[in-house]
Amino acid sequence: MQASPEGAVVVSGLVKAYGSHRAVDDVSLSAAGGQVTAVLGPNGAGKTTTVECCEGLRRPDAGRVRVLGLDPWRASPGLRARVGVVLQDGGLPTGARPLDVLHHVARLHAHPRPVADLVELLGLGDLRARTVRRLSGGQKQRLALACALVGRPDVLFLDEPSAGLDPQARLAVWDLVRAERDRGTAVVLTTHDMDEAERLADAVVVVDAGRVIAAGSPAALTRAEMGAATIRFSAPPSMRLDDLRLALPASLTVAEPRPGDYLVEGDVDARVVASVTSWCAARDVMPQQLTVGRRSLEDVFLDLTGRSLR
């Protein structure tokens, strides 16, 4: 079987409803081999349902889903052998020992990856004496990733892959994801960690209220008008910003996105930076973590989906 020339994962006009609620409402997207595609959205946006339809876990009500050119809902054993899935809850047998689980999954594949390599890469050697139910959330996540990778998948679905991981394990998982991409795997990632998405993704699809509202590379989505940049700094919350706005060119925007976190955005130059620091000094405030740079993917995400809790 060969991947479809239009993409390893192709979704066209996908609809999935639960009663009268359309969780997914005419979603179209694609994910190519040799790329990491991040599907992002707030809680309840429809991203998980979309990916579950791609994994063959849910049946679409309308539209077309193809993984490696085939319908995942009617997937043959041959297709399932070429797809790796990491669910956030792991989906692992709780009474088994971790390495027994990994060896069992390896035996289901014709040409598995050496188990010893994954055990070393993901630090699973110390877990051999425990059962899965006694593992921490991060340990279960690493085991689930090893099970998904052992079959050398052509498509890899990852749901919050670094959730619950310590910094060292997080970096190791990121390295493995990049290695899979470089091997030619189509990696589809869902995450609430915007830093993770910005560091790993070659392509981003933002979903909200069941629809795709933006798509492109992280660089394209964060690219502002020529010369535009941001100043970020931390200071006491709820500072009055009217005087700062008056001290800056009218084209700049000034905001406090979160209590104590301040953002100046627009045509930032050295004089603007000096005005911001002078404004702080006049109020006897030392700005912390002051940085000058471009908009982040998180900035774009919040602009697109709103800043209120859901």
C-alpha atoms as a PDB file:
ATOM      1  CA  MET A   1       0.000   0.000   0.000  1.00  0.00           C
ATOM      2  CA  GLN A   2       1.239   3.492  -0.830  1.00  0.00           C
ATOM      3  CA  ALA A   3       0.261   6.775   0.746  1.00  0.00           C
ATOM      4  CA  SER A   4      -2.120   8.943  -1.176  1.00  0.00           C
ATOM      5  CA  PRO A   5      -0.220  11.541  -3.245  1.00  0.00           C
ATOM      6  CA  GLU A   6      -2.371  14.272  -1.702  1.00  0.00           C
ATOM      7  CA  GLY A   7      -1.232  13.443   1.841  1.00  0.00           C
ATOM      8  CA  ALA A   8      -0.844  10.603   4.316  1.00  0.00           C
ATOM      9  CA  VAL A   9      -3.947  11.837   6.180  1.00  0.00           C
ATOM     10  CA  VAL A  10      -6.680  13.644   4.237  1.00  0.00           C
ATOM     11  CA  VAL A  11      -9.928  14.946   5.753  1.00  0.00           C
ATOM     12  CA  SER A  12     -12.576  16.560   3.527  1.00  0.00           C
ATOM     13  CA  GLY A  13     -15.851  18.049   4.750  1.00  0.00           C
ATOM     14  CA  LEU A  14     -15.865  16.008   7.959  1.00  0.00           C
ATOM     15  CA  VAL A  15     -19.024  16.203  10.078  1.00  0.00           C
ATOM     16  CA  LYS A  16     -19.567  14.477  13.423  1.00  0.00           C
ATOM     17  CA  ALA A  17     -22.537  15.232  15.666  1.00  0.00           C
ATOM     18  CA  TYR A  18     -23.590  14.114  19.126  1.00  0.00           C
ATOM     19  CA  GLY A  19     -27.334  14.543  19.182  1.00  0.00           C
ATOM     20  CA  SER A  20     -28.088  18.090  18.027  1.00  0.00           C
ATOM     21  CA  HIS A  21     -24.533  19.292  18.688  1.00  0.00           C
ATOM     22  CA  ARG A  22     -22.104  19.272  15.762  1.00  0.00           C
ATOM     23  CA  ALA A  23     -18.731  18.677  17.388  1.00  0.00           C
ATOM     24  CA  VAL A  24     -17.101  18.744  13.945  1.00  0.00           C
ATOM     25  CA  ASP A  25     -18.724  20.876  11.274  1.00  0.00           C
ATOM     26  CA  ASP A  26     -17.226  20.624   7.770  1.00  0.00           C
ATOM     27  CA  VAL A  27     -13.550  20.221   8.705  1.00  0.00           C
ATOM     28  CA  SER A  28     -10.968  19.735   5.972  1.00  0.00           C
ATOM     29  CA  LEU A  29      -7.245  19.255   6.548  1.00  0.00           C
ATOM     30  CA  SER A  30      -4.301  17.147   5.436  1.00  0.00           C
ATOM     31  CA  ALA A  31      -1.075  15.856   6.953  1.00  0.00           C
ATOM     32  CA  ALA A  32       1.917  14.922   4.808  1.00  0.00           C
ATOM     33  CA  GLY A  33       4.602  12.334   5.336  1.00  0.00           C
ATOM     34  CA  GLY A  34       7.825  13.744   6.726  1.00  0.00           C
ATOM     35  CA  GLN A  35       5.994  16.513   8.573  1.00  0.00           C
ATOM     36  CA  VAL A  36       4.569  17.181  12.039  1.00  0.00           C
ATOM     37  CA  THR A  37       1.036  18.573  11.766  1.00  0.00           C
ATOM     38  CA  ALA A  38      -0.339  20.103  14.972  1.00  0.00           C
ATOM     39  CA  VAL A  39      -4.122  20.267  15.377  1.00  0.00           C
ATOM     40  CA  LEU A  40      -4.828  22.949  17.972  1.00  0.00           C
ATOM     41  CA  GLY A  41      -7.971  24.263  19.604  1.00  0.00           C
ATOM     42  CA  PRO A  42      -9.534  25.131  22.961  1.00  0.00           C
ATOM     43  CA  ASN A  43     -11.439  22.530  24.951  1.00  0.00           C
ATOM     44  CA  GLY A  44     -14.555  21.444  23.079  1.00  0.00           C
ATOM     45  CA  ALA A  45     -13.312  22.809  19.745  1.00  0.00           C
ATOM     46  CA  GLY A  46     -13.645  19.464  17.939  1.00  0.00           C
ATOM     47  CA  LYS A  47      -9.972  18.642  17.471  1.00  0.00           C
ATOM     48  CA  THR A  48     -10.048  15.384  19.459  1.00  0.00           C
ATOM     49  CA  THR A  49     -13.169  14.157  17.650  1.00  0.00           C
ATOM     50  CA  THR A  50     -11.536  14.995  14.308  1.00  0.00           C
ATOM     51  CA  VAL A  51      -8.428  13.013  15.171  1.00  0.00           C
ATOM     52  CA  GLU A  52     -10.478  10.103  16.554  1.00  0.00           C
ATOM     53  CA  CYS A  53     -12.240   9.876  13.181  1.00  0.00           C
ATOM     54  CA  CYS A  54      -8.802   9.716  11.550  1.00  0.00           C
ATOM     55  CA  GLU A  55      -7.755   6.971  13.960  1.00  0.00           C
ATOM     56  CA  GLY A  56     -10.842   4.906  13.135  1.00  0.00           C
ATOM     57  CA  LEU A  57     -12.210   5.257  16.667  1.00  0.00           C
ATOM     58  CA  ARG A  58     -15.299   7.207  15.565  1.00  0.00           C
ATOM     59  CA  ARG A  59     -17.427   6.941  12.452  1.00  0.00           C
ATOM     60  CA  PRO A  60     -17.982  10.202  10.558  1.00  0.00           C
ATOM     61  CA  ASP A  61     -21.554  11.312   9.931  1.00  0.00           C
ATOM     62  CA  ALA A  62     -20.533  12.955   6.665  1.00  0.00           C
ATOM     63  CA  GLY A  63     -17.424  13.821   4.715  1.00  0.00           C
ATOM     64  CA  ARG A  64     -14.395  11.793   3.755  1.00  0.00           C
ATOM     65  CA  VAL A  65     -11.418  10.607   5.814  1.00  0.00           C
ATOM     66  CA  ARG A  66      -8.477   8.755   4.283  1.00  0.00           C
ATOM     67  CA  VAL A  67      -5.335   7.504   6.010  1.00  0.00           C
ATOM     68  CA  LEU A  68      -2.687   6.214   3.608  1.00  0.00           C
ATOM     69  CA  GLY A  69      -5.428   6.294   0.974  1.00  0.00           C
ATOM     70  CA  LEU A  70      -7.853   4.082   2.923  1.00  0.00           C
ATOM     71  CA  ASP A  71     -10.925   4.578   5.122  1.00  0.00           C
ATOM     72  CA  PRO A  72      -9.750   4.181   8.757  1.00  0.00           C
ATOM     73  CA  TRP A  73     -13.248   3.205   9.961  1.00  0.00           C
ATOM     74  CA  ARG A  74     -13.025   0.100   7.771  1.00  0.00           C
ATOM     75  CA  ALA A  75      -9.318  -0.364   8.343  1.00  0.00           C
ATOM     76  CA  SER A  76      -7.755  -3.689   7.465  1.00  0.00           C
ATOM     77  CA  PRO A  77      -5.051  -5.239   9.688  1.00  0.00           C
ATOM     78  CA  GLY A  78      -2.557  -4.075   7.060  1.00  0.00           C
ATOM     79  CA  LEU A  79      -3.515  -0.422   7.560  1.00  0.00           C
ATOM     80  CA  ARG A  80      -3.628  -0.662  11.346  1.00  0.00           C
ATOM     81  CA  ALA A  81      -0.110  -2.096  11.350  1.00  0.00           C
ATOM     82  CA  ARG A  82       1.121   1.099   9.661  1.00  0.00           C
ATOM     83  CA  VAL A  83      -0.513   3.510  12.122  1.00  0.00           C
ATOM     84  CA  GLY A  84       0.741   4.313  15.619  1.00  0.00           C
ATOM     85  CA  VAL A  85      -1.577   5.911  18.178  1.00  0.00           C
ATOM     86  CA  VAL A  86      -0.804   7.452  21.566  1.00  0.00           C
ATOM     87  CA  LEU A  87      -3.970   8.246  23.511  1.00  0.00           C
ATOM     88  CA  GLN A  88      -3.812  10.607  26.479  1.00  0.00           C
ATOM     89  CA  ASP A  89      -5.142   7.929  28.819  1.00  0.00           C
ATOM     90  CA  GLY A  90      -2.639   5.400  27.448  1.00  0.00           C
ATOM     91  CA  GLY A  91      -5.108   2.562  26.789  1.00  0.00           C
ATOM     92  CA  LEU A  92      -2.646   0.115  28.367  1.00  0.00           C
ATOM     93  CA  PRO A  93      -3.474  -3.127  30.269  1.00  0.00           C
ATOM     94  CA  THR A  94      -3.114  -2.091  33.894  1.00  0.00           C
ATOM     95  CA  GLY A  95      -2.237  -5.499  35.334  1.00  0.00           C
ATOM     96  CA  ALA A  96       0.656  -6.262  32.985  1.00  0.00           C
ATOM     97  CA  ARG A  97       4.304  -5.345  33.355  1.00  0.00           C
ATOM     98  CA  PRO A  98       5.487  -2.532  31.084  1.00  0.00           C
ATOM     99  CA  LEU A  99       8.199  -4.407  29.197  1.00  0.00           C
ATOM    100  CA  ASP A 100       5.912  -7.426  28.728  1.00  0.00           C
ATOM    101  CA  VAL A 101       3.404  -5.081  27.076  1.00  0.00           C
ATOM    102  CA  LEU A 102       6.057  -3.616  24.797  1.00  0.00           C
ATOM    103  CA  HIS A 103       7.410  -7.047  23.788  1.00  0.00           C
ATOM    104  CA  HIS A 104       3.852  -8.239  23.084  1.00  0.00           C
ATOM    105  CA  VAL A 105       3.141  -5.262  20.812  1.00  0.00           C
ATOM    106  CA  ALA A 106       6.465  -5.810  19.031  1.00  0.00           C
ATOM    107  CA  ARG A 107       5.522  -9.426  18.255  1.00  0.00           C
ATOM    108  CA  LEU A 108       2.398  -8.212  16.459  1.00  0.00           C
ATOM    109  CA  HIS A 109       4.535  -6.551  13.767  1.00  0.00           C
ATOM    110  CA  ALA A 110       6.494  -8.189  10.964  1.00  0.00           C
ATOM    111  CA  HIS A 111       9.538  -5.914  11.274  1.00  0.00           C
ATOM    112  CA  PRO A 112       9.451  -4.296  14.704  1.00  0.00           C
ATOM    113  CA  ARG A 113      11.917  -1.794  15.995  1.00  0.00           C
ATOM    114  CA  PRO A 114      14.342  -3.301  18.542  1.00  0.00           C
ATOM    115  CA  VAL A 115      12.634  -3.136  21.923  1.00  0.00           C
ATOM    116  CA  ALA A 116      15.944  -2.549  23.688  1.00  0.00           C
ATOM    117  CA  ASP A 117      16.468   0.661  21.706  1.00  0.00           C
ATOM    118  CA  LEU A 118      13.114   2.101  22.785  1.00  0.00           C
ATOM    119  CA  VAL A 119      13.655   1.010  26.380  1.00  0.00           C
ATOM    120  CA  GLU A 120      16.909   2.960  26.439  1.00  0.00           C
ATOM    121  CA  LEU A 121      15.643   6.013  24.547  1.00  0.00           C
ATOM    122  CA  LEU A 122      12.566   6.392  26.750  1.00  0.00           C
ATOM    123  CA  GLY A 123      14.118   5.334  30.057  1.00  0.00           C
ATOM    124  CA  LEU A 124      11.862   2.324  30.599  1.00  0.00           C
ATOM    125  CA  GLY A 125      14.478  -0.063  32.029  1.00  0.00           C
ATOM    126  CA  ASP A 126      13.725   0.780  35.664  1.00  0.00           C
ATOM    127  CA  LEU A 127      10.027  -0.057  35.225  1.00  0.00           C
ATOM    128  CA  ARG A 128      10.356  -3.785  34.577  1.00  0.00           C
ATOM    129  CA  ALA A 129       9.392  -4.842  38.119  1.00  0.00           C
ATOM    130  CA  ARG A 130       6.176  -2.781  38.318  1.00  0.00           C
ATOM    131  CA  THR A 131       2.750  -3.205  36.806  1.00  0.00           C
ATOM    132  CA  VAL A 132       1.272  -0.565  34.511  1.00  0.00           C
ATOM    133  CA  ARG A 133      -1.236   0.545  37.156  1.00  0.00           C
ATOM    134  CA  ARG A 134       1.656   1.520  39.453  1.00  0.00           C
ATOM    135  CA  LEU A 135       3.322   3.774  36.897  1.00  0.00           C
ATOM    136  CA  SER A 136       3.109   7.541  37.090  1.00  0.00           C
ATOM    137  CA  GLY A 137       1.257   9.436  34.378  1.00  0.00           C
ATOM    138  CA  GLY A 138       4.522  10.385  32.689  1.00  0.00           C
ATOM    139  CA  GLN A 139       5.812   6.792  32.784  1.00  0.00           C
ATOM    140  CA  LYS A 140       2.596   5.518  31.208  1.00  0.00           C
ATOM    141  CA  GLN A 141       2.945   8.177  28.523  1.00  0.00           C
ATOM    142  CA  ARG A 142       6.485   7.043  27.686  1.00  0.00           C
ATOM    143  CA  LEU A 143       5.376   3.405  27.538  1.00  0.00           C
ATOM    144  CA  ALA A 144       2.451   4.286  25.269  1.00  0.00           C
ATOM    145  CA  LEU A 145       4.807   6.143  22.936  1.00  0.00           C
ATOM    146  CA  ALA A 146       7.157   3.149  22.814  1.00  0.00           C
ATOM    147  CA  CYS A 147       4.224   0.884  21.894  1.00  0.00           C
ATOM    148  CA  ALA A 148       3.205   3.275  19.124  1.00  0.00           C
ATOM    149  CA  LEU A 149       6.737   3.472  17.696  1.00  0.00           C
ATOM    150  CA  VAL A 150       7.764  -0.169  17.897  1.00  0.00           C
ATOM    151  CA  GLY A 151       5.939  -1.074  14.664  1.00  0.00           C
ATOM    152  CA  ARG A 152       7.754   1.618  12.606  1.00  0.00           C
ATOM    153  CA  PRO A 153       4.502   3.436  11.719  1.00  0.00           C
ATOM    154  CA  ASP A 154       3.978   5.477   8.562  1.00  0.00           C
ATOM    155  CA  VAL A 155       1.404   7.625  10.393  1.00  0.00           C
ATOM    156  CA  LEU A 156       1.689   8.526  14.074  1.00  0.00           C
ATOM    157  CA  PHE A 157      -1.142  10.162  16.069  1.00  0.00           C
ATOM    158  CA  LEU A 158      -0.058  11.797  19.337  1.00  0.00           C
ATOM    159  CA  ASP A 159      -2.508  13.197  21.891  1.00  0.00           C
ATOM    160  CA  GLU A 160      -0.714  15.479  24.385  1.00  0.00           C
ATOM    161  CA  PRO A 161       2.535  13.462  24.049  1.00  0.00           C
ATOM    162  CA  SER A 162       4.475  15.316  26.759  1.00  0.00           C
ATOM    163  CA  ALA A 163       1.658  15.603  29.318  1.00  0.00           C
ATOM    164  CA  GLY A 164       2.957  14.713  32.779  1.00  0.00           C
ATOM    165  CA  LEU A 165       6.585  14.418  31.690  1.00  0.00           C
ATOM    166  CA  ASP A 166       9.549  15.944  33.502  1.00  0.00           C
ATOM    167  CA  PRO A 167      11.795  18.268  31.461  1.00  0.00           C
ATOM    168  CA  GLN A 168      14.313  15.548  30.563  1.00  0.00           C
ATOM    169  CA  ALA A 169      11.652  13.112  29.378  1.00  0.00           C
ATOM    170  CA  ARG A 170       9.896  15.912  27.494  1.00  0.00           C
ATOM    171  CA  LEU A 171      13.042  16.682  25.490  1.00  0.00           C
ATOM    172  CA  ALA A 172      13.588  12.975  24.801  1.00  0.00           C
ATOM    173  CA  VAL A 173      10.036  12.658  23.455  1.00  0.00           C
ATOM    174  CA  TRP A 174      10.501  15.729  21.273  1.00  0.00           C
ATOM    175  CA  ASP A 175      13.697  14.234  19.855  1.00  0.00           C
ATOM    176  CA  LEU A 176      11.848  11.004  19.034  1.00  0.00           C
ATOM    177  CA  VAL A 177       9.053  12.910  17.323  1.00  0.00           C
ATOM    178  CA  ARG A 178      11.587  14.794  15.200  1.00  0.00           C
ATOM    179  CA  ALA A 179      13.347  11.526  14.353  1.00  0.00           C
ATOM    180  CA  GLU A 180      10.037  10.012  13.197  1.00  0.00           C
ATOM    181  CA  ARG A 181       9.371  13.050  11.025  1.00  0.00           C
ATOM    182  CA  ASP A 182      12.848  12.781   9.513  1.00  0.00           C
ATOM    183  CA  ARG A 183      12.209   9.092   8.823  1.00  0.00           C
ATOM    184  CA  GLY A 184       9.249  10.138   6.655  1.00  0.00           C
ATOM    185  CA  THR A 185       6.439   9.490   9.123  1.00  0.00           C
ATOM    186  CA  ALA A 186       3.347  11.704   9.032  1.00  0.00           C
ATOM    187  CA  VAL A 187       2.986  12.861  12.644  1.00  0.00           C
ATOM    188  CA  VAL A 188      -0.372  14.325  13.730  1.00  0.00           C
ATOM    189  CA  LEU A 189      -0.113  16.058  17.102  1.00  0.00           C
ATOM    190  CA  THR A 190      -2.799  17.473  19.378  1.00  0.00           C
ATOM    191  CA  THR A 191      -1.584  19.564  22.291  1.00  0.00           C
ATOM    192  CA  HIS A 192      -2.509  22.483  24.532  1.00  0.00           C
ATOM    193  CA  ASP A 193       1.195  23.309  24.900  1.00  0.00           C
ATOM    194  CA  MET A 194       1.799  26.116  22.406  1.00  0.00           C
ATOM    195  CA  ASP A 195       5.554  25.957  22.977  1.00  0.00           C
ATOM    196  CA  GLU A 196       5.505  22.268  22.069  1.00  0.00           C
ATOM    197  CA  ALA A 197       3.513  22.982  18.913  1.00  0.00           C
ATOM    198  CA  GLU A 198       5.763  25.863  17.880  1.00  0.00           C
ATOM    199  CA  ARG A 199       8.931  23.815  18.397  1.00  0.00           C
ATOM    200  CA  LEU A 200       7.742  20.617  16.691  1.00  0.00           C
ATOM    201  CA  ALA A 201       5.157  21.479  14.053  1.00  0.00           C
ATOM    202  CA  ASP A 202       5.831  22.018  10.371  1.00  0.00           C
ATOM    203  CA  ALA A 203       2.136  22.761   9.839  1.00  0.00           C
ATOM    204  CA  VAL A 204      -0.593  23.984  12.204  1.00  0.00           C
ATOM    205  CA  VAL A 205      -4.371  23.665  11.925  1.00  0.00           C
ATOM    206  CA  VAL A 206      -6.440  25.687  14.422  1.00  0.00           C
ATOM    207  CA  VAL A 207      -9.955  24.374  15.090  1.00  0.00           C
ATOM    208  CA  ASP A 208     -12.693  26.174  17.006  1.00  0.00           C
ATOM    209  CA  ALA A 209     -16.426  25.495  17.315  1.00  0.00           C
ATOM    210  CA  GLY A 210     -16.019  22.491  15.035  1.00  0.00           C
ATOM    211  CA  ARG A 211     -14.454  24.409  12.140  1.00  0.00           C
ATOM    212  CA  VAL A 212     -10.960  25.150  10.860  1.00  0.00           C
ATOM    213  CA  ILE A 213     -10.306  28.841  11.480  1.00  0.00           C
ATOM    214  CA  ALA A 214      -6.620  29.037  10.485  1.00  0.00           C
ATOM    215  CA  ALA A 215      -3.940  26.875   8.925  1.00  0.00           C
ATOM    216  CA  GLY A 216      -0.330  27.275   7.881  1.00  0.00           C
ATOM    217  CA  SER A 217       3.220  26.911   9.150  1.00  0.00           C
ATOM    218  CA  PRO A 218       4.057  28.360  12.589  1.00  0.00           C
ATOM    219  CA  ALA A 219       6.190  30.988  10.850  1.00  0.00           C
ATOM    220  CA  ALA A 220       3.343  31.991   8.539  1.00  0.00           C
ATOM    221  CA  LEU A 221       0.793  32.182  11.352  1.00  0.00           C
ATOM    222  CA  THR A 222       3.051  34.259  13.603  1.00  0.00           C
ATOM    223  CA  ARG A 223       4.365  36.542  10.853  1.00  0.00           C
ATOM    224  CA  ALA A 224       3.061  40.061  11.416  1.00  0.00           C
ATOM    225  CA  GLU A 225       3.357  43.089   9.166  1.00  0.00           C
ATOM    226  CA  MET A 226       6.856  44.153   8.192  1.00  0.00           C
ATOM    227  CA  GLY A 227       8.683  45.639  11.171  1.00  0.00           C
ATOM    228  CA  ALA A 228       6.083  44.501  13.695  1.00  0.00           C
ATOM    229  CA  ALA A 229       7.321  42.930  16.908  1.00  0.00           C
ATOM    230  CA  THR A 230       6.456  42.648  20.582  1.00  0.00           C
ATOM    231  CA  ILE A 231       7.773  43.763  23.949  1.00  0.00           C
ATOM    232  CA  ARG A 232       6.853  41.473  26.836  1.00  0.00           C
ATOM    233  CA  PHE A 233       7.540  42.044  30.490  1.00  0.00           C
ATOM    234  CA  SER A 234       6.263  41.137  33.937  1.00  0.00           C
ATOM    235  CA  ALA A 235       5.362  43.712  36.576  1.00  0.00           C
ATOM    236  CA  PRO A 236       2.782  44.167  39.357  1.00  0.00           C
ATOM    237  CA  PRO A 237      -0.700  43.379  38.021  1.00  0.00           C
ATOM    238  CA  SER A 238      -3.342  45.933  37.061  1.00  0.00           C
ATOM    239  CA  MET A 239      -0.979  48.814  36.363  1.00  0.00           C
ATOM    240  CA  ARG A 240      -2.721  51.759  34.672  1.00  0.00           C
ATOM    241  CA  LEU A 241      -1.718  51.650  31.008  1.00  0.00           C
ATOM    242  CA  ASP A 242      -3.309  54.887  29.751  1.00  0.00           C
ATOM    243  CA  ASP A 243      -0.107  56.914  30.297  1.00  0.00           C
ATOM    244  CA  LEU A 244       1.970  54.264  28.528  1.00  0.00           C
ATOM    245  CA  ARG A 245      -0.368  54.327  25.553  1.00  0.00           C
ATOM    246  CA  LEU A 246      -0.011  58.117  25.371  1.00  0.00           C
ATOM    247  CA  ALA A 247       3.799  57.829  25.468  1.00  0.00           C
ATOM    248  CA  LEU A 248       3.873  55.430  22.516  1.00  0.00           C
ATOM    249  CA  PRO A 249       2.948  55.832  18.834  1.00  0.00           C
ATOM    250  CA  ALA A 250      -0.782  55.398  18.259  1.00  0.00           C
ATOM    251  CA  SER A 251      -0.146  52.394  15.988  1.00  0.00           C
ATOM    252  CA  LEU A 252       1.060  50.313  18.926  1.00  0.00           C
ATOM    253  CA  THR A 253      -1.249  48.226  21.093  1.00  0.00           C
ATOM    254  CA  VAL A 254      -0.732  47.849  24.826  1.00  0.00           C
ATOM    255  CA  ALA A 255      -2.392  45.099  26.842  1.00  0.00           C
ATOM    256  CA  GLU A 256      -2.217  42.981  29.982  1.00  0.00           C
ATOM    257  CA  PRO A 257      -3.233  39.536  28.620  1.00  0.00           C
ATOM    258  CA  ARG A 258      -2.803  37.912  32.045  1.00  0.00           C
ATOM    259  CA  PRO A 259      -2.422  39.552  35.471  1.00  0.00           C
ATOM    260  CA  GLY A 260       1.119  40.886  35.701  1.00  0.00           C
ATOM    261  CA  ASP A 261       2.060  40.017  32.099  1.00  0.00           C
ATOM    262  CA  TYR A 262       2.262  43.022  29.762  1.00  0.00           C
ATOM    263  CA  LEU A 263       2.451  43.119  25.976  1.00  0.00           C
ATOM    264  CA  VAL A 264       3.307  45.981  23.619  1.00  0.00           C
ATOM    265  CA  GLU A 265       2.816  45.076  19.981  1.00  0.00           C
ATOM    266  CA  GLY A 266       3.388  46.817  16.659  1.00  0.00           C
ATOM    267  CA  ASP A 267       6.247  48.696  14.977  1.00  0.00           C
ATOM    268  CA  VAL A 268       8.715  48.312  17.866  1.00  0.00           C
ATOM    269  CA  ASP A 269      12.105  50.019  17.668  1.00  0.00           C
ATOM    270  CA  ALA A 270      14.774  51.149  20.153  1.00  0.00           C
ATOM    271  CA  ARG A 271      12.857  54.328  21.034  1.00  0.00           C
ATOM    272  CA  VAL A 272       9.756  52.311  21.897  1.00  0.00           C
ATOM    273  CA  VAL A 273      11.801  50.036  24.163  1.00  0.00           C
ATOM    274  CA  ALA A 274      13.268  53.128  25.881  1.00  0.00           C
ATOM    275  CA  SER A 275       9.785  54.606  26.365  1.00  0.00           C
ATOM    276  CA  VAL A 276       8.522  51.412  27.985  1.00  0.00           C
ATOM    277  CA  THR A 277      11.448  51.150  30.396  1.00  0.00           C
ATOM    278  CA  SER A 278      11.215  54.892  31.219  1.00  0.00           C
ATOM    279  CA  TRP A 279       7.509  54.498  31.991  1.00  0.00           C
ATOM    280  CA  CYS A 280       8.363  51.639  34.373  1.00  0.00           C
ATOM    281  CA  ALA A 281      11.179  53.630  35.998  1.00  0.00           C
ATOM    282  CA  ALA A 282       8.876  56.622  36.589  1.00  0.00           C
ATOM    283  CA  ARG A 283       6.679  54.284  38.639  1.00  0.00           C
ATOM    284  CA  ASP A 284       9.604  52.715  40.499  1.00  0.00           C
ATOM    285  CA  VAL A 285       8.864  49.367  38.825  1.00  0.00           C
ATOM    286  CA  MET A 286      11.590  46.991  37.724  1.00  0.00           C
ATOM    287  CA  PRO A 287      10.249  45.089  34.655  1.00  0.00           C
ATOM    288  CA  GLN A 288      11.020  41.393  34.878  1.00  0.00           C
ATOM    289  CA  GLN A 289      11.645  38.990  31.991  1.00  0.00           C
ATOM    290  CA  LEU A 290      11.604  41.813  29.467  1.00  0.00           C
ATOM    291  CA  THR A 291      11.967  40.460  25.950  1.00  0.00           C
ATOM    292  CA  VAL A 292      11.670  41.906  22.466  1.00  0.00           C
ATOM    293  CA  GLY A 293      10.647  39.570  19.661  1.00  0.00           C
ATOM    294  CA  ARG A 294       7.940  38.428  17.303  1.00  0.00           C
ATOM    295  CA  ARG A 295       4.453  37.240  18.183  1.00  0.00           C
ATOM    296  CA  SER A 296       4.338  33.699  19.490  1.00  0.00           C
ATOM    297  CA  LEU A 297       2.019  30.941  18.362  1.00  0.00           C
ATOM    298  CA  GLU A 298       0.230  31.339  21.696  1.00  0.00           C
ATOM    299  CA  ASP A 299      -0.466  35.000  20.886  1.00  0.00           C
ATOM    300  CA  VAL A 300      -1.982  34.007  17.547  1.00  0.00           C
ATOM    301  CA  PHE A 301      -3.972  31.177  19.117  1.00  0.00           C
ATOM    302  CA  LEU A 302      -5.480  33.482  21.750  1.00  0.00           C
ATOM    303  CA  ASP A 303      -6.264  36.147  19.161  1.00  0.00           C
ATOM    304  CA  LEU A 304      -8.086  33.551  17.065  1.00  0.00           C
ATOM    305  CA  THR A 305      -9.956  31.681  19.789  1.00  0.00           C
ATOM    306  CA  GLY A 306     -10.392  34.347  22.472  1.00  0.00           C
ATOM    307  CA  ARG A 307      -8.937  34.733  25.951  1.00  0.00           C
ATOM    308  CA  SER A 308     -11.931  33.780  28.101  1.00  0.00           C
ATOM    309  CA  LEU A 309     -12.103  30.450  29.892  1.00  0.00           C
ATOM    310  CA  ARG A 310     -14.338  27.706  28.496  1.00  0.00           C
END
